[in-house]
Protein backbone atom coordinates (compact mmCIF):
# COMPACT_ATOMS: atom_id res chain seq x y z
CA UNK A 1 116.84 91.47 86.20
CA UNK A 2 115.87 87.84 86.87
CA UNK A 3 118.84 86.90 89.03
CA UNK A 4 119.16 84.60 91.99
CA UNK A 5 120.04 87.50 94.28
CA UNK A 6 116.80 89.23 93.23
CA UNK A 7 114.85 86.05 94.00
CA UNK A 8 116.43 85.84 97.45
CA UNK A 9 115.40 89.45 98.15
CA UNK A 10 111.84 88.80 96.92
CA UNK A 11 111.58 85.62 99.01
CA UNK A 12 112.73 87.47 102.12
CA UNK A 13 110.01 90.10 101.59
CA UNK A 14 107.36 87.46 100.85
CA UNK A 15 108.14 85.52 104.03
CA UNK A 16 107.65 88.71 106.02
CA UNK A 17 104.21 89.13 104.39
CA UNK A 18 103.20 85.47 104.36
CA UNK A 19 99.70 86.17 105.72
CA UNK A 20 99.24 89.66 104.28
CA UNK A 21 96.42 89.65 101.66
CA UNK A 22 97.57 93.06 100.36
CA UNK A 23 101.07 91.81 99.50
CA UNK A 24 101.91 92.16 95.80
CA UNK A 25 104.32 89.37 94.72
CA UNK A 26 106.78 90.38 91.97
CA UNK A 27 106.78 88.62 88.59
CA UNK A 28 110.05 86.78 89.26
CA UNK A 29 108.77 85.22 92.46
CA UNK A 30 105.47 84.24 90.81
CA UNK A 31 107.39 82.62 87.96
CA UNK A 32 109.70 80.65 90.24
CA UNK A 33 106.77 79.50 92.39
CA UNK A 34 104.80 78.51 89.27
CA UNK A 35 101.94 80.92 89.99
CA UNK A 36 99.96 83.36 87.88
CA UNK A 37 100.80 86.91 88.95
CA UNK A 38 97.25 88.01 88.10
CA UNK A 39 95.83 85.85 90.91
CA UNK A 40 97.47 87.94 93.61
CA UNK A 41 99.22 86.96 96.82
CA UNK A 42 97.25 83.85 97.88
CA UNK A 43 98.67 81.23 95.49
CA UNK A 44 102.26 82.44 95.96
CA UNK A 45 101.93 82.45 99.76
CA UNK A 46 100.43 78.95 99.71
CA UNK A 47 103.23 77.73 97.42
CA UNK A 48 105.89 79.13 99.77
CA UNK A 49 104.28 77.35 102.73
CA UNK A 50 104.26 74.08 100.75
CA UNK A 51 107.92 74.60 99.82
CA UNK A 52 108.86 75.02 103.48
CA UNK A 53 106.91 71.91 104.43
CA UNK A 54 108.70 70.00 101.65
CA UNK A 55 111.96 70.68 103.52
CA UNK A 56 110.83 68.56 106.48
CA UNK A 57 113.35 65.73 106.87
CA UNK A 58 112.41 62.15 107.58
CA UNK A 59 111.93 61.10 111.23
CA UNK A 60 115.26 59.24 111.31
CA UNK A 61 117.24 62.45 110.72
CA UNK A 62 118.90 63.56 114.00
CA UNK A 63 117.43 66.57 115.77
CA UNK A 64 120.75 68.45 115.53
CA UNK A 65 121.13 67.90 111.77
CA UNK A 66 121.38 71.07 109.71
CA UNK A 67 118.49 70.07 107.42
CA UNK A 68 116.18 69.66 110.42
CA UNK A 69 117.31 72.97 111.94
CA UNK A 70 116.61 74.79 108.65
CA UNK A 71 113.12 73.29 108.41
CA UNK A 72 112.22 73.95 112.05
CA UNK A 73 113.47 77.54 111.86
CA UNK A 74 111.53 78.40 108.69
CA UNK A 75 108.42 76.61 109.93
CA UNK A 76 108.51 78.25 113.37
CA UNK A 77 109.28 81.77 112.19
CA UNK A 78 107.13 82.07 109.11
CA UNK A 79 104.52 79.29 108.84
CA UNK A 80 103.65 79.34 112.55
CA UNK A 81 104.40 83.06 112.89
CA UNK A 82 106.53 82.90 116.03
CA UNK A 83 108.57 85.94 117.00
CA UNK A 84 112.35 85.76 116.84
CA UNK A 85 112.49 85.42 120.62
CA UNK A 86 109.87 82.64 120.66
CA UNK A 87 111.56 80.73 117.83
CA UNK A 88 114.99 81.11 119.44
CA UNK A 89 113.66 79.72 122.71
CA UNK A 90 112.07 76.78 120.90
CA UNK A 91 115.31 76.00 119.05
CA UNK A 92 117.49 76.52 122.12
CA UNK A 93 119.62 79.32 120.63
CA UNK A 94 120.00 83.05 121.18
CA UNK A 95 117.98 85.57 119.10
CA UNK A 96 121.23 86.83 117.59
CA UNK A 97 122.20 83.28 116.55
CA UNK A 98 118.69 82.78 115.17
CA UNK A 99 118.95 85.90 112.98
CA UNK A 100 122.17 84.57 111.47
CA UNK A 101 120.71 81.10 110.88
CA UNK A 102 117.52 82.64 109.50
CA UNK A 103 119.46 84.36 106.70
CA UNK A 104 121.14 81.07 105.85
CA UNK A 105 117.84 79.15 105.92
CA UNK A 106 116.13 81.64 103.58
CA UNK A 107 119.04 81.34 101.17
CA UNK A 108 118.82 77.54 101.27
CA UNK A 109 115.11 77.76 100.43
CA UNK A 110 115.75 80.28 97.65
CA UNK A 111 118.43 78.06 96.11
CA UNK A 112 116.13 75.06 96.19
CA UNK A 113 113.33 77.02 94.52
CA UNK A 114 115.69 78.44 91.90
CA UNK A 115 117.11 75.03 91.03
CA UNK A 116 113.66 73.47 90.83
CA UNK A 117 112.36 76.25 88.56
CA UNK A 118 115.43 76.93 86.40
CA UNK A 119 116.99 73.46 86.39
CA UNK A 120 120.40 74.86 87.32
CA UNK A 121 122.46 75.51 90.42
CA UNK A 122 122.45 79.21 91.34
CA UNK A 123 125.71 81.07 90.71
CA UNK A 124 128.26 81.50 93.49
CA UNK A 125 126.85 78.47 95.28
CA UNK A 126 128.49 77.27 98.47
CA UNK A 127 128.13 74.17 100.56
CA UNK A 128 125.51 74.03 103.26
CA UNK A 129 128.15 73.95 106.00
CA UNK A 130 129.83 77.20 105.00
CA UNK A 131 129.00 80.43 106.79
CA UNK A 132 127.48 83.13 104.60
CA UNK A 133 129.68 86.11 103.89
CA UNK A 134 128.53 88.95 106.11
CA UNK A 135 128.31 92.17 104.17
CA UNK A 136 127.29 95.59 105.37
CA UNK A 137 123.70 96.46 104.56
CA UNK A 138 122.83 100.07 103.81
CA UNK A 139 120.84 101.92 106.42
CA UNK A 140 117.73 101.74 104.25
CA UNK A 141 117.92 97.93 104.16
CA UNK A 142 118.46 97.77 107.92
CA UNK A 143 115.48 100.06 108.47
CA UNK A 144 113.31 97.93 106.19
CA UNK A 145 114.40 94.78 108.00
CA UNK A 146 113.46 96.40 111.30
CA UNK A 147 110.06 97.49 109.98
CA UNK A 148 109.40 94.00 108.65
CA UNK A 149 110.36 92.54 112.01
CA UNK A 150 108.03 94.95 113.81
CA UNK A 151 105.16 93.93 111.54
CA UNK A 152 105.88 90.24 112.14
CA UNK A 153 106.16 90.65 115.90
CA UNK A 154 102.89 92.56 116.10
CA UNK A 155 101.13 90.19 113.71
CA UNK A 156 102.26 87.28 115.88
CA UNK A 157 100.84 88.95 118.98
CA UNK A 158 97.53 89.67 117.25
CA UNK A 159 97.26 86.15 115.86
CA UNK A 160 98.11 84.54 119.19
CA UNK A 161 95.55 86.61 121.12
CA UNK A 162 93.11 88.41 118.80
CA UNK A 163 90.76 90.91 120.40
CA UNK A 164 93.26 91.66 123.16
CA UNK A 165 93.20 95.01 124.93
CA UNK A 166 95.54 96.47 127.53
CA UNK A 167 94.63 97.54 131.04
CA UNK A 168 96.73 100.70 130.96
CA UNK A 169 97.19 101.37 134.73
CA UNK A 170 98.13 97.74 135.34
CA UNK A 171 100.51 97.62 132.38
CA UNK A 172 102.20 100.91 133.34
CA UNK A 173 102.66 99.75 136.95
CA UNK A 174 104.09 96.45 135.70
CA UNK A 175 106.56 98.25 133.42
CA UNK A 176 107.79 100.39 136.31
CA UNK A 177 108.39 97.27 138.41
CA UNK A 178 110.08 95.48 135.51
CA UNK A 179 112.43 98.37 134.60
CA UNK A 180 113.55 99.14 138.15
CA UNK A 181 116.68 97.00 137.85
CA UNK A 182 117.80 98.77 134.67
CA UNK A 183 117.06 102.23 136.06
CA UNK A 184 118.87 101.60 139.35
CA UNK A 185 122.05 100.63 137.49
CA UNK A 186 122.12 104.17 136.09
CA UNK A 187 121.08 105.92 139.28
CA UNK A 188 117.64 106.74 137.90
CA UNK A 189 114.48 106.52 140.02
CA UNK A 190 111.27 105.23 138.40
CA UNK A 191 108.00 106.61 139.77
CA UNK A 192 104.29 106.43 139.03
CA UNK A 193 102.42 109.65 138.41
CA UNK A 194 98.66 110.02 138.11
CA UNK A 195 96.97 107.01 136.54
CA UNK A 196 93.37 107.48 135.45
CA UNK A 197 90.89 104.77 136.36
CA UNK A 198 89.29 102.36 133.88
CA UNK A 199 91.80 103.13 131.11
CA UNK A 200 91.76 100.42 128.45
CA UNK A 201 93.69 100.75 125.17
CA UNK A 202 93.20 98.86 121.90
CA UNK A 203 96.63 97.21 121.85
CA UNK A 204 98.07 93.90 122.96
CA UNK A 205 99.48 94.29 126.51
CA UNK A 206 102.88 92.94 125.40
CA UNK A 207 103.04 95.51 122.62
CA UNK A 208 102.28 98.37 125.02
CA UNK A 209 104.79 97.02 127.52
CA UNK A 210 107.54 96.96 124.89
CA UNK A 211 106.76 100.52 123.79
CA UNK A 212 107.00 101.87 127.33
CA UNK A 213 110.17 99.93 128.05
CA UNK A 214 111.63 101.42 124.88
CA UNK A 215 110.76 104.94 126.05
CA UNK A 216 112.38 104.32 129.44
CA UNK A 217 115.54 102.86 127.86
CA UNK A 218 115.82 105.81 125.47
CA UNK A 219 115.55 108.31 128.33
CA UNK A 220 118.10 106.45 130.46
CA UNK A 221 120.62 106.70 127.63
CA UNK A 222 120.49 110.50 128.01
CA UNK A 223 120.46 110.67 131.81
CA UNK A 224 123.04 110.57 134.58
CA UNK A 225 120.80 110.06 137.58
CA UNK A 226 117.46 111.78 138.06
CA UNK A 227 113.91 110.52 137.79
CA UNK A 228 111.53 109.04 135.21
CA UNK A 229 107.81 109.35 135.85
CA UNK A 230 105.03 107.48 134.03
CA UNK A 231 101.45 108.80 134.01
CA UNK A 232 98.28 108.04 132.03
CA UNK A 233 94.91 109.66 131.41
CA UNK A 234 92.07 110.01 128.91
CA UNK A 235 92.12 112.56 126.06
CA UNK A 236 88.85 112.33 124.13
CA UNK A 237 88.76 108.95 122.40
CA UNK A 238 92.48 108.41 123.09
CA UNK A 239 94.44 107.06 126.03
CA UNK A 240 97.51 109.24 126.64
CA UNK A 241 100.60 107.92 128.42
CA UNK A 242 103.50 110.23 129.26
CA UNK A 243 106.99 109.07 130.13
CA UNK A 244 108.98 112.01 131.51
CA UNK A 245 112.65 112.06 132.44
CA UNK A 246 114.40 114.81 134.36
CA UNK A 247 117.08 116.01 133.97
CA UNK A 248 117.84 114.85 130.41
CA UNK A 249 120.78 115.85 128.23
CA UNK A 250 120.57 115.41 124.47
CA UNK A 251 117.64 114.43 122.33
CA UNK A 252 116.19 111.15 121.06
CA UNK A 253 116.74 110.13 117.42
CA UNK A 254 114.54 111.73 114.79
CA UNK A 255 112.96 108.38 113.87
CA UNK A 256 111.71 106.84 117.08
CA UNK A 257 111.95 103.05 117.13
CA UNK A 258 108.40 102.73 118.53
CA UNK A 259 106.75 104.92 115.90
CA UNK A 260 105.82 102.20 113.42
CA UNK A 261 104.62 99.81 116.09
CA UNK A 262 102.24 102.48 117.36
CA UNK A 263 101.12 103.51 113.88
CA UNK A 264 100.04 99.93 113.20
CA UNK A 265 97.75 100.20 116.24
CA UNK A 266 96.27 103.55 115.21
CA UNK A 267 98.42 105.34 117.78
CA UNK A 268 101.27 107.85 117.75
CA UNK A 269 104.31 108.96 119.71
CA UNK A 270 106.08 112.29 119.98
CA UNK A 271 108.47 113.98 122.39
CA UNK A 272 108.93 117.49 123.76
CA UNK A 273 111.19 119.36 126.14
CA UNK A 274 110.31 121.57 129.08
CA UNK A 275 112.72 123.09 131.63
CA UNK A 276 115.37 120.37 131.38
CA UNK A 277 112.92 117.50 131.21
CA UNK A 278 112.08 115.40 128.18
CA UNK A 279 108.70 113.66 127.77
CA UNK A 280 107.53 110.94 125.44
CA UNK A 281 103.80 111.28 124.74
CA UNK A 282 102.10 108.06 123.60
CA UNK A 283 98.52 108.22 122.29
CA UNK A 284 96.49 105.06 121.72
CA UNK A 285 92.86 104.45 120.72
CA UNK A 286 90.72 103.87 123.80
CA UNK A 287 89.10 100.45 123.70
CA UNK A 288 85.41 100.90 124.34
CA UNK A 289 82.93 98.05 124.09
CA UNK A 290 82.24 96.81 120.58
CA UNK A 291 78.72 95.49 120.02
CA UNK A 292 78.43 92.45 117.76
CA UNK A 293 74.94 91.58 116.48
CA UNK A 294 74.86 87.84 115.76
CA UNK A 295 72.10 86.67 113.42
CA UNK A 296 71.85 82.91 113.91
CA UNK A 297 69.04 80.52 114.87
CA UNK A 298 71.38 78.12 116.74
CA UNK A 299 71.38 79.02 120.46
CA UNK A 300 74.25 76.62 121.21
CA UNK A 301 76.46 78.37 118.68
CA UNK A 302 75.57 81.79 120.09
CA UNK A 303 76.58 80.49 123.52
CA UNK A 304 79.98 79.55 122.05
CA UNK A 305 80.35 83.03 120.56
CA UNK A 306 79.59 84.55 123.97
CA UNK A 307 82.32 82.41 125.51
CA UNK A 308 84.74 83.33 122.70
CA UNK A 309 84.54 87.05 123.50
CA UNK A 310 85.00 86.78 127.27
CA UNK A 311 87.88 89.02 128.32
CA UNK A 312 87.84 91.03 125.09
CA UNK A 313 86.20 94.32 124.12
CA UNK A 314 83.47 92.52 122.16
CA UNK A 315 79.94 91.93 123.50
CA UNK A 316 77.40 89.68 121.76
CA UNK A 317 73.77 90.53 121.14
CA UNK A 318 71.84 87.75 119.42
CA UNK A 319 68.79 87.73 117.18
CA UNK A 320 67.30 84.44 115.98
CA UNK A 321 64.90 85.62 113.27
CA UNK A 322 66.10 87.40 110.15
CA UNK A 323 62.96 89.54 109.99
CA UNK A 324 63.96 91.31 113.21
CA UNK A 325 67.47 92.25 112.10
CA UNK A 326 66.85 95.68 110.56
CA UNK A 327 64.81 96.75 113.57
CA UNK A 328 67.62 95.62 115.88
CA UNK A 329 70.16 97.50 113.77
CA UNK A 330 68.17 100.73 114.07
CA UNK A 331 67.66 100.44 117.83
CA UNK A 332 71.03 98.93 118.78
CA UNK A 333 73.44 100.48 116.24
CA UNK A 334 75.87 97.52 116.40
CA UNK A 335 79.49 97.88 115.34
CA UNK A 336 79.64 94.50 113.55
CA UNK A 337 77.05 92.03 112.24
CA UNK A 338 77.77 88.28 112.13
CA UNK A 339 75.31 86.63 109.75
CA UNK A 340 74.40 83.02 109.07
CA UNK A 341 72.77 82.87 105.63
CA UNK A 342 70.77 79.71 106.46
CA UNK A 343 67.89 81.18 108.45
CA UNK A 344 64.27 80.11 108.95
CA UNK A 345 61.63 82.35 107.44
CA UNK A 346 63.90 84.54 105.31
CA UNK A 347 66.55 84.06 102.68
CA UNK A 348 69.92 84.93 104.21
CA UNK A 349 71.35 86.15 100.91
CA UNK A 350 68.44 88.53 100.48
CA UNK A 351 69.00 89.77 104.03
CA UNK A 352 72.67 90.38 103.25
CA UNK A 353 71.71 92.49 100.24
CA UNK A 354 69.20 94.45 102.34
CA UNK A 355 71.82 95.12 105.00
CA UNK A 356 74.23 96.33 102.35
CA UNK A 357 71.65 98.69 100.84
CA UNK A 358 69.72 99.97 103.89
CA UNK A 359 70.91 103.43 105.10
CA UNK A 360 70.98 102.29 108.73
CA UNK A 361 73.23 99.29 108.09
CA UNK A 362 75.19 99.88 104.90
CA UNK A 363 78.23 101.20 106.82
CA UNK A 364 78.26 98.31 109.32
CA UNK A 365 80.70 95.51 108.43
CA UNK A 366 78.99 92.15 107.95
CA UNK A 367 80.84 88.88 108.57
CA UNK A 368 79.11 85.94 106.92
CA UNK A 369 79.69 82.87 109.09
CA UNK A 370 78.04 79.82 107.57
CA UNK A 371 78.40 76.17 106.59
CA UNK A 372 77.53 77.27 103.04
CA UNK A 373 80.89 77.49 101.25
CA UNK A 374 80.17 80.59 99.17
CA UNK A 375 82.88 83.11 100.03
CA UNK A 376 82.92 84.80 96.62
CA UNK A 377 79.14 85.22 96.60
CA UNK A 378 79.21 86.59 100.16
CA UNK A 379 81.73 89.26 99.25
CA UNK A 380 79.96 90.09 95.98
CA UNK A 381 76.69 90.73 97.87
CA UNK A 382 78.30 93.15 100.31
CA UNK A 383 79.87 91.11 103.12
CA UNK A 384 83.12 92.40 104.55
CA UNK A 385 84.42 88.92 105.38
CA UNK A 386 83.44 85.29 105.04
CA UNK A 387 84.24 82.69 107.73
CA UNK A 388 83.29 79.02 107.26
CA UNK A 389 81.69 77.01 110.06
CA UNK A 390 82.75 75.37 112.27
CA UNK A 391 84.72 78.31 113.62
CA UNK A 392 87.18 78.36 116.55
CA UNK A 393 87.73 81.14 119.05
CA UNK A 394 90.89 82.52 117.47
CA UNK A 395 89.42 82.51 113.98
CA UNK A 396 86.22 84.18 115.20
CA UNK A 397 88.08 86.95 117.06
CA UNK A 398 90.45 87.48 114.14
CA UNK A 399 87.44 88.00 111.89
CA UNK A 400 85.97 90.58 114.28
CA UNK A 401 89.31 92.39 114.54
CA UNK A 402 89.71 92.42 110.77
CA UNK A 403 86.15 93.60 110.13
CA UNK A 404 86.56 96.41 112.63
CA UNK A 405 89.89 97.43 111.12
CA UNK A 406 88.53 97.50 107.58
CA UNK A 407 85.50 99.48 108.66
CA UNK A 408 87.87 102.05 110.18
CA UNK A 409 89.90 102.18 106.99
CA UNK A 410 92.84 100.19 108.37
CA UNK A 411 94.89 97.52 106.66
CA UNK A 412 93.40 94.03 106.80
CA UNK A 413 95.16 91.21 108.59
CA UNK A 414 95.50 87.58 107.61
CA UNK A 415 92.46 86.27 105.68
CA UNK A 416 89.89 85.10 108.20
CA UNK A 417 88.71 82.29 105.93
CA UNK A 418 92.20 80.76 105.90
CA UNK A 419 93.12 81.25 109.54
CA UNK A 420 93.79 78.15 111.57
CA UNK A 421 90.88 77.46 113.94
CA UNK A 422 91.48 76.52 117.55
């Protein structure tokens, strides 16, 4: 049913998927935003961003005015992708206060969109100064809100620092130091077990830190004194972290709060009991080096790429002539190819087709990075992604992350061609 309440629900979901290319906008939202549903998420997402920017008040409006607070909240949380904590700090309010104001701000935006599209005030309208009526949400809605928040928090981390990996021993040691105050209040001792050397996991350090703090907090809730030990080691192509509490009474909830966060990183979490102890077992993909073959005749640009990947898992190998690419692919077996289609001596489009068809390279994701604005042609000829030049560090690393994720069968992130360069 095309009701205002349905629009508000759809808008809430769309804001939580504002940079998700796989998002499927419903017909009602497309209609209200004036977009063709057949064109997918992009036009609707762009229209929502424009609608938020249209809320920006004039410079003479006081900083504490409600209209300015609504605009700054929506812009910070959804257009800029800040976490709730980051947005609350920017606005000078608590996260709890922000969540309440966020619901009001989304409703204000929904009412504005409804009135603009339908030419009528939505039913049961109230003045902007009135508090919304707080109603109980079913557990399923609360769970969906939490999952959406997890996705947004993780997306924000990935967008702010693409290509990030976590030094597991350092992160684990930092978590133990950070959680000591909480543990001591409950008479629980925190200790470090065996930590393997050179353990690096494919996850943002802040994400891993939050997961481990969640495990510790969950154990403490079931303990009256005792000890919690954290240890880490390598299990095949996984990094395994165990968080063990002893003695522990009771069991954790069936749906662990960290499960979805880990699943988005290709990891998992489970728990088991043994002789009065309870252990959380966290498995994460080990972050080995990822070789990126860059095909570009501009040595200055290759130097920039090499600087871009410093401190990440990516390493650049460059080739300047297109004729040498297939030979390099066979000898080097790169994980990703970054291709400029304007090359001396060979047609870059023809090279892209050859890479897509050759047995040695057809499974390797190719990112076309060029001043030639031909994204559709690039994708049609077999490229995984297209990124226009000039490209900034964040945009470049986001493209590598996304290409690697798609090659592994994961969900793509925000479109690399529309990311904001540094």
